[in-house]
Amino acid sequence: MRIVAIGSARDEKRQAVEIAFSRMLPNEFKADEWKFVCVPVDSGVGNQPGSDVQGACGAETRAWGAFNGVPDVEFGIGIEGCISAVFGKHWFSRTWAVVRSIEGSGMGSGPSVWVQPELHEYIRKGNELGEVIEKTSRIPNARYTFGHIGLMTRNVVTRLEEDVMAVQMALAALFHQKG
């Protein structure tokens, strides 16, 4: 059994990781030979990471915690969302992923999407992006079902798919390391 540990208690993250592995390892992936387990790991960067550096560090911390927290694990995965400024005034949300293995680690991000200034004002006052989109959209659990990216893209890109893409990019980086 090949074991993949995800540094999160959320089943949606496990689903994203399983999809990413099935896409990136199509010849090796047989669902009955893989076990995907969630391990609650604190990101160490707070509830709303405010930069790409914080998002990437949170993903790295989660990956290491997952990798070290499960016996016989082959891969530890960390996924962390953040908001980040471009030119100090244009804000974007993005998801970072880190895949840790005995052979090294890979880091990648998913797509980024613009955060409107009125939403950023709420975030600046200490709210998480997920809380803000639920408050402004009046859609319960929007942070988990659609995510900011889903609301912005009319669900053409879902939160699940955003996480899948980030993990795929981290796997790509891991697979193509020169060692």
N, C-alpha and C. Protein backbone atom coordinates (compact mmCIF):
# COMPACT_ATOMS: atom_id res chain seq x y z
N MET A 1 0.85 -1.19 0.00
CA MET A 1 0.00 0.00 0.00
C MET A 1 0.89 1.24 0.00
N ARG A 2 0.64 2.14 -0.93
CA ARG A 2 1.38 3.41 -1.00
C ARG A 2 0.57 4.45 -0.23
N ILE A 3 1.22 5.10 0.72
CA ILE A 3 0.52 6.02 1.62
C ILE A 3 0.88 7.46 1.32
N VAL A 4 -0.15 8.28 1.19
CA VAL A 4 -0.01 9.72 0.99
C VAL A 4 -0.71 10.40 2.15
N ALA A 5 0.01 11.24 2.88
CA ALA A 5 -0.56 11.97 4.01
C ALA A 5 -0.76 13.43 3.63
N ILE A 6 -1.95 13.94 3.91
CA ILE A 6 -2.30 15.32 3.59
C ILE A 6 -2.38 16.10 4.89
N GLY A 7 -1.65 17.21 4.98
CA GLY A 7 -1.61 18.01 6.19
C GLY A 7 -2.83 18.88 6.37
N SER A 8 -3.98 18.26 6.50
CA SER A 8 -5.24 18.96 6.67
C SER A 8 -6.28 17.96 7.19
N ALA A 9 -7.25 18.47 7.92
CA ALA A 9 -8.36 17.62 8.37
C ALA A 9 -9.50 17.62 7.36
N ARG A 10 -9.41 18.44 6.32
CA ARG A 10 -10.51 18.60 5.37
C ARG A 10 -10.50 17.55 4.26
N ASP A 11 -11.61 16.84 4.12
CA ASP A 11 -11.71 15.79 3.13
C ASP A 11 -11.59 16.33 1.71
N GLU A 12 -11.98 17.59 1.48
CA GLU A 12 -11.86 18.19 0.15
C GLU A 12 -10.40 18.23 -0.29
N LYS A 13 -9.49 18.45 0.65
CA LYS A 13 -8.06 18.46 0.32
C LYS A 13 -7.62 17.05 -0.08
N ARG A 14 -8.11 16.05 0.64
CA ARG A 14 -7.79 14.67 0.30
C ARG A 14 -8.27 14.34 -1.11
N GLN A 15 -9.48 14.78 -1.43
CA GLN A 15 -10.03 14.53 -2.77
C GLN A 15 -9.14 15.18 -3.84
N ALA A 16 -8.72 16.41 -3.59
CA ALA A 16 -7.87 17.13 -4.55
C ALA A 16 -6.56 16.38 -4.77
N VAL A 17 -5.96 15.91 -3.69
CA VAL A 17 -4.69 15.19 -3.79
C VAL A 17 -4.88 13.88 -4.56
N GLU A 18 -5.94 13.16 -4.28
CA GLU A 18 -6.19 11.90 -4.98
C GLU A 18 -6.39 12.13 -6.48
N ILE A 19 -7.12 13.17 -6.84
CA ILE A 19 -7.32 13.49 -8.26
C ILE A 19 -5.99 13.85 -8.91
N ALA A 20 -5.19 14.69 -8.23
CA ALA A 20 -3.90 15.11 -8.79
C ALA A 20 -2.98 13.91 -9.01
N PHE A 21 -2.92 12.99 -8.04
CA PHE A 21 -2.08 11.81 -8.20
C PHE A 21 -2.57 10.93 -9.35
N SER A 22 -3.89 10.77 -9.48
CA SER A 22 -4.41 9.93 -10.55
C SER A 22 -4.10 10.53 -11.92
N ARG A 23 -4.06 11.85 -12.02
CA ARG A 23 -3.74 12.51 -13.29
C ARG A 23 -2.24 12.49 -13.58
N MET A 24 -1.43 12.70 -12.55
CA MET A 24 0.01 12.83 -12.75
C MET A 24 0.72 11.47 -12.81
N LEU A 25 0.11 10.44 -12.28
CA LEU A 25 0.70 9.10 -12.29
C LEU A 25 -0.29 8.10 -12.90
N PRO A 26 -0.75 8.34 -14.12
CA PRO A 26 -1.82 7.51 -14.67
C PRO A 26 -1.45 6.03 -14.83
N ASN A 27 -0.18 5.74 -15.06
CA ASN A 27 0.24 4.35 -15.25
C ASN A 27 0.51 3.63 -13.93
N GLU A 28 0.71 4.41 -12.87
CA GLU A 28 1.00 3.83 -11.56
C GLU A 28 -0.22 3.83 -10.64
N PHE A 29 -1.20 4.65 -10.95
CA PHE A 29 -2.29 4.86 -10.01
C PHE A 29 -3.36 3.79 -10.16
N LYS A 30 -3.47 2.97 -9.14
CA LYS A 30 -4.57 2.01 -9.00
C LYS A 30 -5.14 2.29 -7.62
N ALA A 31 -6.38 2.76 -7.58
CA ALA A 31 -6.97 3.27 -6.34
C ALA A 31 -6.84 2.30 -5.17
N ASP A 32 -6.92 1.01 -5.41
CA ASP A 32 -6.86 0.05 -4.31
C ASP A 32 -5.43 -0.14 -3.77
N GLU A 33 -4.44 0.45 -4.43
CA GLU A 33 -3.05 0.34 -3.99
C GLU A 33 -2.56 1.60 -3.28
N TRP A 34 -3.39 2.61 -3.21
CA TRP A 34 -3.02 3.89 -2.60
C TRP A 34 -3.94 4.17 -1.43
N LYS A 35 -3.38 4.77 -0.40
CA LYS A 35 -4.17 5.19 0.75
C LYS A 35 -3.88 6.67 1.00
N PHE A 36 -4.92 7.49 1.02
CA PHE A 36 -4.80 8.93 1.23
C PHE A 36 -5.40 9.25 2.60
N VAL A 37 -4.57 9.76 3.50
CA VAL A 37 -5.02 10.03 4.86
C VAL A 37 -4.84 11.51 5.21
N CYS A 38 -5.82 12.04 5.91
CA CYS A 38 -5.75 13.42 6.39
C CYS A 38 -5.13 13.45 7.78
N VAL A 39 -4.22 14.37 7.97
CA VAL A 39 -3.54 14.56 9.25
C VAL A 39 -3.65 16.03 9.60
N PRO A 40 -4.36 16.39 10.67
CA PRO A 40 -4.43 17.81 11.03
C PRO A 40 -3.04 18.35 11.36
N VAL A 41 -2.61 19.36 10.62
CA VAL A 41 -1.31 20.00 10.82
C VAL A 41 -1.53 21.51 10.78
N ASP A 42 -1.04 22.21 11.78
CA ASP A 42 -1.12 23.67 11.80
C ASP A 42 -0.14 24.24 10.78
N SER A 43 -0.57 25.24 10.04
CA SER A 43 0.28 25.83 9.01
C SER A 43 1.39 26.70 9.58
N GLY A 44 1.18 27.23 10.77
CA GLY A 44 2.18 28.10 11.37
C GLY A 44 2.19 29.51 10.80
N VAL A 45 1.25 29.84 9.92
CA VAL A 45 1.26 31.16 9.30
C VAL A 45 0.00 31.99 9.57
N GLY A 46 -0.85 31.53 10.45
CA GLY A 46 -2.06 32.28 10.76
C GLY A 46 -3.21 31.88 9.86
N ASN A 47 -4.38 32.43 10.18
CA ASN A 47 -5.61 32.05 9.47
C ASN A 47 -5.71 32.61 8.06
N GLN A 48 -5.10 33.76 7.81
CA GLN A 48 -5.17 34.35 6.47
C GLN A 48 -3.77 34.80 6.04
N PRO A 49 -3.00 33.88 5.45
CA PRO A 49 -1.67 34.27 4.98
C PRO A 49 -1.77 35.44 4.00
N GLY A 50 -0.93 36.45 4.22
CA GLY A 50 -1.02 37.69 3.46
C GLY A 50 0.04 37.88 2.40
N SER A 51 0.70 36.80 1.98
CA SER A 51 1.69 36.90 0.91
C SER A 51 1.94 35.51 0.34
N ASP A 52 2.56 35.49 -0.84
CA ASP A 52 2.94 34.20 -1.42
C ASP A 52 3.96 33.49 -0.53
N VAL A 53 4.85 34.24 0.09
CA VAL A 53 5.84 33.63 0.98
C VAL A 53 5.14 32.93 2.13
N GLN A 54 4.17 33.58 2.75
CA GLN A 54 3.43 32.96 3.85
C GLN A 54 2.64 31.74 3.37
N GLY A 55 2.01 31.84 2.21
CA GLY A 55 1.26 30.71 1.66
C GLY A 55 2.16 29.51 1.39
N ALA A 56 3.31 29.76 0.76
CA ALA A 56 4.25 28.69 0.46
C ALA A 56 4.83 28.10 1.74
N CYS A 57 5.14 28.95 2.72
CA CYS A 57 5.66 28.45 4.01
C CYS A 57 4.61 27.60 4.72
N GLY A 58 3.35 28.02 4.68
CA GLY A 58 2.28 27.24 5.29
C GLY A 58 2.14 25.87 4.64
N ALA A 59 2.23 25.84 3.30
CA ALA A 59 2.15 24.56 2.58
C ALA A 59 3.34 23.67 2.94
N GLU A 60 4.53 24.27 3.04
CA GLU A 60 5.74 23.52 3.41
C GLU A 60 5.61 22.93 4.81
N THR A 61 5.13 23.74 5.75
CA THR A 61 4.95 23.26 7.13
C THR A 61 3.96 22.11 7.18
N ARG A 62 2.85 22.24 6.46
CA ARG A 62 1.85 21.18 6.44
C ARG A 62 2.40 19.90 5.80
N ALA A 63 3.18 20.05 4.71
CA ALA A 63 3.76 18.88 4.05
C ALA A 63 4.72 18.14 4.98
N TRP A 64 5.59 18.88 5.65
CA TRP A 64 6.52 18.25 6.59
C TRP A 64 5.79 17.58 7.74
N GLY A 65 4.78 18.25 8.29
CA GLY A 65 4.01 17.67 9.39
C GLY A 65 3.31 16.39 8.97
N ALA A 66 2.76 16.39 7.77
CA ALA A 66 2.08 15.19 7.26
C ALA A 66 3.09 14.08 7.00
N PHE A 67 4.21 14.43 6.38
CA PHE A 67 5.24 13.44 6.05
C PHE A 67 5.80 12.78 7.31
N ASN A 68 5.99 13.58 8.35
CA ASN A 68 6.55 13.05 9.59
C ASN A 68 5.51 12.48 10.54
N GLY A 69 4.22 12.68 10.24
CA GLY A 69 3.17 12.29 11.17
C GLY A 69 2.51 10.95 10.91
N VAL A 70 2.90 10.27 9.83
CA VAL A 70 2.26 9.00 9.47
C VAL A 70 3.35 7.96 9.20
N PRO A 71 3.28 6.80 9.85
CA PRO A 71 4.27 5.75 9.58
C PRO A 71 4.19 5.25 8.14
N ASP A 72 5.33 4.94 7.57
CA ASP A 72 5.44 4.34 6.23
C ASP A 72 4.88 5.21 5.11
N VAL A 73 4.83 6.50 5.34
CA VAL A 73 4.29 7.41 4.33
C VAL A 73 5.28 7.56 3.17
N GLU A 74 4.76 7.66 1.97
CA GLU A 74 5.60 7.88 0.79
C GLU A 74 5.63 9.35 0.40
N PHE A 75 4.49 10.02 0.58
CA PHE A 75 4.38 11.43 0.24
C PHE A 75 3.66 12.18 1.35
N GLY A 76 4.14 13.37 1.67
CA GLY A 76 3.44 14.28 2.56
C GLY A 76 3.05 15.50 1.75
N ILE A 77 1.81 15.92 1.88
CA ILE A 77 1.29 17.02 1.06
C ILE A 77 0.82 18.15 1.96
N GLY A 78 1.18 19.37 1.58
CA GLY A 78 0.66 20.56 2.24
C GLY A 78 0.01 21.47 1.21
N ILE A 79 -1.14 22.00 1.56
CA ILE A 79 -1.88 22.92 0.68
C ILE A 79 -2.26 24.13 1.53
N GLU A 80 -1.96 25.32 1.03
CA GLU A 80 -2.26 26.54 1.79
C GLU A 80 -2.65 27.66 0.83
N GLY A 81 -3.79 28.29 1.10
CA GLY A 81 -4.22 29.43 0.32
C GLY A 81 -3.69 30.72 0.92
N CYS A 82 -3.59 31.75 0.09
CA CYS A 82 -3.12 33.04 0.58
C CYS A 82 -3.68 34.14 -0.31
N ILE A 83 -3.49 35.36 0.14
CA ILE A 83 -3.70 36.51 -0.72
C ILE A 83 -2.35 37.21 -0.83
N SER A 84 -2.10 37.81 -1.97
CA SER A 84 -0.80 38.42 -2.20
C SER A 84 -0.96 39.67 -3.05
N ALA A 85 -0.15 40.67 -2.75
CA ALA A 85 -0.24 41.95 -3.46
C ALA A 85 0.73 41.99 -4.64
N VAL A 86 0.29 42.60 -5.72
CA VAL A 86 1.14 42.92 -6.86
C VAL A 86 1.19 44.43 -6.96
N PHE A 87 2.38 44.98 -7.03
CA PHE A 87 2.60 46.42 -7.03
C PHE A 87 2.03 47.10 -5.79
N GLY A 88 1.84 46.31 -4.74
CA GLY A 88 1.38 46.85 -3.47
C GLY A 88 -0.08 47.25 -3.41
N LYS A 89 -0.81 47.07 -4.51
CA LYS A 89 -2.20 47.53 -4.49
C LYS A 89 -3.20 46.60 -5.15
N HIS A 90 -2.75 45.67 -5.96
CA HIS A 90 -3.64 44.72 -6.61
C HIS A 90 -3.50 43.39 -5.88
N TRP A 91 -4.59 42.90 -5.33
CA TRP A 91 -4.55 41.69 -4.51
C TRP A 91 -5.11 40.50 -5.27
N PHE A 92 -4.46 39.35 -5.07
CA PHE A 92 -4.85 38.10 -5.72
C PHE A 92 -4.88 36.98 -4.69
N SER A 93 -5.80 36.05 -4.86
CA SER A 93 -5.78 34.84 -4.03
C SER A 93 -5.13 33.73 -4.85
N ARG A 94 -4.41 32.87 -4.15
CA ARG A 94 -3.68 31.78 -4.80
C ARG A 94 -3.53 30.64 -3.81
N THR A 95 -3.41 29.44 -4.31
CA THR A 95 -3.17 28.27 -3.48
C THR A 95 -1.79 27.71 -3.78
N TRP A 96 -1.04 27.43 -2.72
CA TRP A 96 0.28 26.81 -2.82
C TRP A 96 0.20 25.37 -2.36
N ALA A 97 1.01 24.51 -2.96
CA ALA A 97 1.11 23.12 -2.54
C ALA A 97 2.58 22.71 -2.50
N VAL A 98 2.89 21.85 -1.53
CA VAL A 98 4.21 21.24 -1.43
C VAL A 98 4.01 19.74 -1.30
N VAL A 99 4.79 19.00 -2.08
CA VAL A 99 4.81 17.54 -2.00
C VAL A 99 6.18 17.14 -1.48
N ARG A 100 6.19 16.44 -0.37
CA ARG A 100 7.43 15.98 0.26
C ARG A 100 7.53 14.47 0.12
N SER A 101 8.72 14.00 -0.25
CA SER A 101 8.97 12.56 -0.32
C SER A 101 10.38 12.29 0.20
N ILE A 102 10.75 11.05 0.28
CA ILE A 102 12.08 10.70 0.72
C ILE A 102 13.13 11.23 -0.25
N GLU A 103 12.73 11.44 -1.50
CA GLU A 103 13.64 11.89 -2.55
C GLU A 103 13.76 13.41 -2.64
N GLY A 104 12.93 14.14 -1.93
CA GLY A 104 12.99 15.59 -1.98
C GLY A 104 11.60 16.19 -1.90
N SER A 105 11.49 17.41 -2.38
CA SER A 105 10.17 18.04 -2.36
C SER A 105 9.98 18.89 -3.60
N GLY A 106 8.72 19.10 -3.92
CA GLY A 106 8.34 19.95 -5.03
C GLY A 106 7.30 20.95 -4.57
N MET A 107 7.35 22.15 -5.14
CA MET A 107 6.41 23.21 -4.77
C MET A 107 5.74 23.73 -6.02
N GLY A 108 4.47 24.05 -5.91
CA GLY A 108 3.74 24.61 -7.03
C GLY A 108 2.55 25.40 -6.55
N SER A 109 1.99 26.18 -7.46
CA SER A 109 0.79 26.94 -7.11
C SER A 109 -0.28 26.73 -8.15
N GLY A 110 -1.49 27.00 -7.73
CA GLY A 110 -2.61 26.96 -8.65
C GLY A 110 -2.78 28.33 -9.29
N PRO A 111 -3.87 28.50 -10.02
CA PRO A 111 -4.11 29.80 -10.64
C PRO A 111 -4.40 30.86 -9.59
N SER A 112 -4.20 32.09 -9.96
CA SER A 112 -4.53 33.19 -9.04
C SER A 112 -5.70 33.97 -9.61
N VAL A 113 -6.46 34.57 -8.71
CA VAL A 113 -7.62 35.34 -9.14
C VAL A 113 -7.69 36.62 -8.31
N TRP A 114 -8.11 37.67 -8.96
CA TRP A 114 -8.16 39.00 -8.38
C TRP A 114 -9.10 39.05 -7.17
N VAL A 115 -8.67 39.78 -6.16
CA VAL A 115 -9.51 40.05 -4.99
C VAL A 115 -9.92 41.52 -5.06
N GLN A 116 -11.22 41.74 -5.14
CA GLN A 116 -11.73 43.10 -5.27
C GLN A 116 -11.31 43.97 -4.06
N PRO A 117 -11.07 45.26 -4.28
CA PRO A 117 -10.64 46.15 -3.18
C PRO A 117 -11.60 46.15 -1.99
N GLU A 118 -12.90 46.08 -2.24
CA GLU A 118 -13.84 46.09 -1.11
C GLU A 118 -13.71 44.81 -0.27
N LEU A 119 -13.37 43.69 -0.89
CA LEU A 119 -13.13 42.47 -0.12
C LEU A 119 -11.83 42.58 0.66
N HIS A 120 -10.83 43.15 0.02
CA HIS A 120 -9.54 43.28 0.71
C HIS A 120 -9.65 44.17 1.93
N GLU A 121 -10.52 45.15 1.90
CA GLU A 121 -10.72 46.01 3.07
C GLU A 121 -11.19 45.19 4.28
N TYR A 122 -12.10 44.26 4.06
CA TYR A 122 -12.55 43.37 5.14
C TYR A 122 -11.38 42.52 5.65
N ILE A 123 -10.59 42.02 4.73
CA ILE A 123 -9.45 41.17 5.09
C ILE A 123 -8.44 41.97 5.91
N ARG A 124 -8.18 43.20 5.48
CA ARG A 124 -7.25 44.08 6.20
C ARG A 124 -7.68 44.28 7.65
N LYS A 125 -8.97 44.18 7.90
CA LYS A 125 -9.51 44.36 9.25
C LYS A 125 -9.48 43.07 10.06
N GLY A 126 -8.88 42.01 9.51
CA GLY A 126 -8.70 40.78 10.28
C GLY A 126 -9.59 39.62 9.90
N ASN A 127 -10.39 39.75 8.87
CA ASN A 127 -11.26 38.66 8.43
C ASN A 127 -10.53 37.77 7.42
N GLU A 128 -10.91 36.50 7.40
CA GLU A 128 -10.39 35.59 6.38
C GLU A 128 -11.17 35.78 5.09
N LEU A 129 -10.52 35.51 3.96
CA LEU A 129 -11.18 35.63 2.66
C LEU A 129 -12.45 34.79 2.62
N GLY A 130 -12.41 33.57 3.16
CA GLY A 130 -13.60 32.71 3.17
C GLY A 130 -14.77 33.33 3.90
N GLU A 131 -14.50 33.94 5.04
CA GLU A 131 -15.56 34.62 5.79
C GLU A 131 -16.13 35.77 4.99
N VAL A 132 -15.24 36.50 4.32
CA VAL A 132 -15.66 37.68 3.56
C VAL A 132 -16.54 37.29 2.38
N ILE A 133 -16.17 36.24 1.66
CA ILE A 133 -17.00 35.87 0.50
C ILE A 133 -18.36 35.34 0.94
N GLU A 134 -18.41 34.67 2.09
CA GLU A 134 -19.72 34.22 2.59
C GLU A 134 -20.58 35.41 3.00
N LYS A 135 -19.96 36.38 3.63
CA LYS A 135 -20.70 37.57 4.07
C LYS A 135 -21.20 38.39 2.88
N THR A 136 -20.33 38.59 1.88
CA THR A 136 -20.71 39.45 0.76
C THR A 136 -21.58 38.75 -0.27
N SER A 137 -21.40 37.43 -0.45
CA SER A 137 -22.22 36.70 -1.43
C SER A 137 -23.52 36.20 -0.83
N ARG A 138 -23.57 36.14 0.51
CA ARG A 138 -24.72 35.60 1.24
C ARG A 138 -24.98 34.12 0.88
N ILE A 139 -23.92 33.41 0.51
CA ILE A 139 -24.02 31.98 0.20
C ILE A 139 -23.37 31.22 1.36
N PRO A 140 -24.17 30.47 2.13
CA PRO A 140 -23.59 29.70 3.24
C PRO A 140 -22.55 28.69 2.75
N ASN A 141 -21.47 28.58 3.48
CA ASN A 141 -20.38 27.64 3.16
C ASN A 141 -19.73 27.88 1.81
N ALA A 142 -19.85 29.09 1.27
CA ALA A 142 -19.25 29.40 -0.04
C ALA A 142 -17.74 29.16 -0.04
N ARG A 143 -17.10 29.39 1.10
CA ARG A 143 -15.64 29.19 1.15
C ARG A 143 -15.26 27.74 0.88
N TYR A 144 -16.13 26.81 1.25
CA TYR A 144 -15.82 25.39 1.06
C TYR A 144 -16.38 24.84 -0.25
N THR A 145 -17.51 25.35 -0.69
CA THR A 145 -18.13 24.80 -1.90
C THR A 145 -17.57 25.45 -3.16
N PHE A 146 -17.59 26.77 -3.23
CA PHE A 146 -17.14 27.48 -4.42
C PHE A 146 -15.72 28.01 -4.25
N GLY A 147 -15.45 28.56 -3.08
CA GLY A 147 -14.20 29.28 -2.88
C GLY A 147 -14.27 30.60 -3.63
N HIS A 148 -13.32 31.45 -3.36
CA HIS A 148 -13.27 32.75 -4.05
C HIS A 148 -13.13 32.54 -5.56
N ILE A 149 -12.29 31.58 -5.94
CA ILE A 149 -12.06 31.36 -7.37
C ILE A 149 -13.33 30.89 -8.07
N GLY A 150 -14.12 30.07 -7.41
CA GLY A 150 -15.38 29.61 -8.00
C GLY A 150 -16.37 30.74 -8.19
N LEU A 151 -16.46 31.61 -7.18
CA LEU A 151 -17.37 32.76 -7.30
C LEU A 151 -16.92 33.71 -8.41
N MET A 152 -15.61 33.92 -8.50
CA MET A 152 -15.09 34.85 -9.51
C MET A 152 -15.21 34.30 -10.93
N THR A 153 -15.08 32.99 -11.09
CA THR A 153 -15.09 32.38 -12.43
C THR A 153 -16.44 31.75 -12.78
N ARG A 154 -17.44 32.03 -11.96
CA ARG A 154 -18.77 31.43 -12.16
C ARG A 154 -18.67 29.90 -12.12
N ASN A 155 -17.78 29.44 -11.27
CA ASN A 155 -17.52 28.02 -11.03
C ASN A 155 -16.95 27.29 -12.24
N VAL A 156 -16.38 28.03 -13.18
CA VAL A 156 -15.65 27.39 -14.27
C VAL A 156 -14.40 26.73 -13.70
N VAL A 157 -13.75 27.42 -12.76
CA VAL A 157 -12.66 26.84 -11.98
C VAL A 157 -13.16 26.74 -10.55
N THR A 158 -13.28 25.52 -10.05
CA THR A 158 -13.80 25.31 -8.70
C THR A 158 -12.66 25.35 -7.68
N ARG A 159 -13.02 25.47 -6.43
CA ARG A 159 -12.01 25.42 -5.38
C ARG A 159 -11.28 24.08 -5.40
N LEU A 160 -12.02 23.00 -5.62
CA LEU A 160 -11.41 21.68 -5.71
C LEU A 160 -10.37 21.65 -6.83
N GLU A 161 -10.77 22.15 -8.01
CA GLU A 161 -9.85 22.13 -9.16
C GLU A 161 -8.64 23.03 -8.92
N GLU A 162 -8.83 24.14 -8.22
CA GLU A 162 -7.71 25.02 -7.88
C GLU A 162 -6.68 24.25 -7.04
N ASP A 163 -7.16 23.50 -6.04
CA ASP A 163 -6.26 22.69 -5.21
C ASP A 163 -5.61 21.58 -6.02
N VAL A 164 -6.37 20.94 -6.91
CA VAL A 164 -5.82 19.89 -7.77
C VAL A 164 -4.66 20.46 -8.59
N MET A 165 -4.87 21.62 -9.20
CA MET A 165 -3.83 22.22 -10.04
C MET A 165 -2.57 22.53 -9.23
N ALA A 166 -2.73 23.05 -8.03
CA ALA A 166 -1.57 23.37 -7.19
C ALA A 166 -0.78 22.10 -6.88
N VAL A 167 -1.47 21.02 -6.53
CA VAL A 167 -0.78 19.75 -6.23
C VAL A 167 -0.12 19.20 -7.49
N GLN A 168 -0.77 19.30 -8.62
CA GLN A 168 -0.17 18.83 -9.87
C GLN A 168 1.13 19.59 -10.17
N MET A 169 1.14 20.89 -9.94
CA MET A 169 2.35 21.68 -10.19
C MET A 169 3.47 21.31 -9.21
N ALA A 170 3.10 21.00 -7.96
CA ALA A 170 4.10 20.56 -6.98
C ALA A 170 4.66 19.19 -7.36
N LEU A 171 3.79 18.29 -7.82
CA LEU A 171 4.26 16.98 -8.28
C LEU A 171 5.17 17.13 -9.49
N ALA A 172 4.81 18.01 -10.42
CA ALA A 172 5.65 18.24 -11.59
C ALA A 172 7.04 18.70 -11.17
N ALA A 173 7.11 19.61 -10.21
CA ALA A 173 8.41 20.10 -9.72
C ALA A 173 9.20 18.96 -9.08
N LEU A 174 8.53 18.13 -8.29
CA LEU A 174 9.21 17.00 -7.65
C LEU A 174 9.73 16.01 -8.70
N PHE A 175 8.93 15.67 -9.69
CA PHE A 175 9.30 14.68 -10.68
C PHE A 175 10.44 15.14 -11.60
N HIS A 176 10.61 16.45 -11.73
CA HIS A 176 11.61 16.96 -12.68
C HIS A 176 12.82 17.58 -12.00
N GLN A 177 13.04 17.25 -10.76
CA GLN A 177 14.23 17.73 -10.07
C GLN A 177 15.46 17.05 -10.66
N LYS A 178 16.51 17.81 -10.74
CA LYS A 178 17.81 17.23 -11.13
C LYS A 178 18.49 16.82 -9.85
N GLY A 179 18.88 15.59 -9.73
CA GLY A 179 19.41 15.15 -8.46
C GLY A 179 20.72 14.55 -8.55
